[in-house]
Amino acid sequence: MTTLNPTGWCPRCQQNVLLKREEIDTCLAIILLIFTAGIGLIIYLAIYYSRPEENCIHCGAKITTPQTQSPYISQTQQTSYSTSVNVSEEVTGVKPSFCALCGEKLDSGTRFCPNCGSQITDN
């Protein structure tokens, strides 16, 4: 059975349990509501809900979830491969020409672009 809710192993309860956040400090929430006209309370709640759920729902013990292995290989684990043979290839063929104004492909020897009519200059 899988769940989308965060779970973890509780050493006190000796079982896999659902996790919850620490309780909201109600005294602090009331003070922030009164003295900051609610803006401080909104910031406090945003920070509270951005924290991870890491407490057992039964006993309240803090649970550390196991770190997942990163899919990225560190620089020290990478092996470098070098090639001893230098490979060089020369590409031969006709270099296609294009109109500088509209980008239309041009045939060799064309003096004017068939698409936009601009004069073609050879470089």
Foldseek 3Di string as FASTA:
>chain_A
DDDPFDWAADPVVRDIAGFAFDDDPVVVLVVCCPPVVCPSNVVVVVVRVVDDGAAGPPPRDGGDHDDDDDPDDDPVPDDDDDDPDDDDDDDDDDDWDADPPPGHTDDPPDQADPPPGHGDDDD
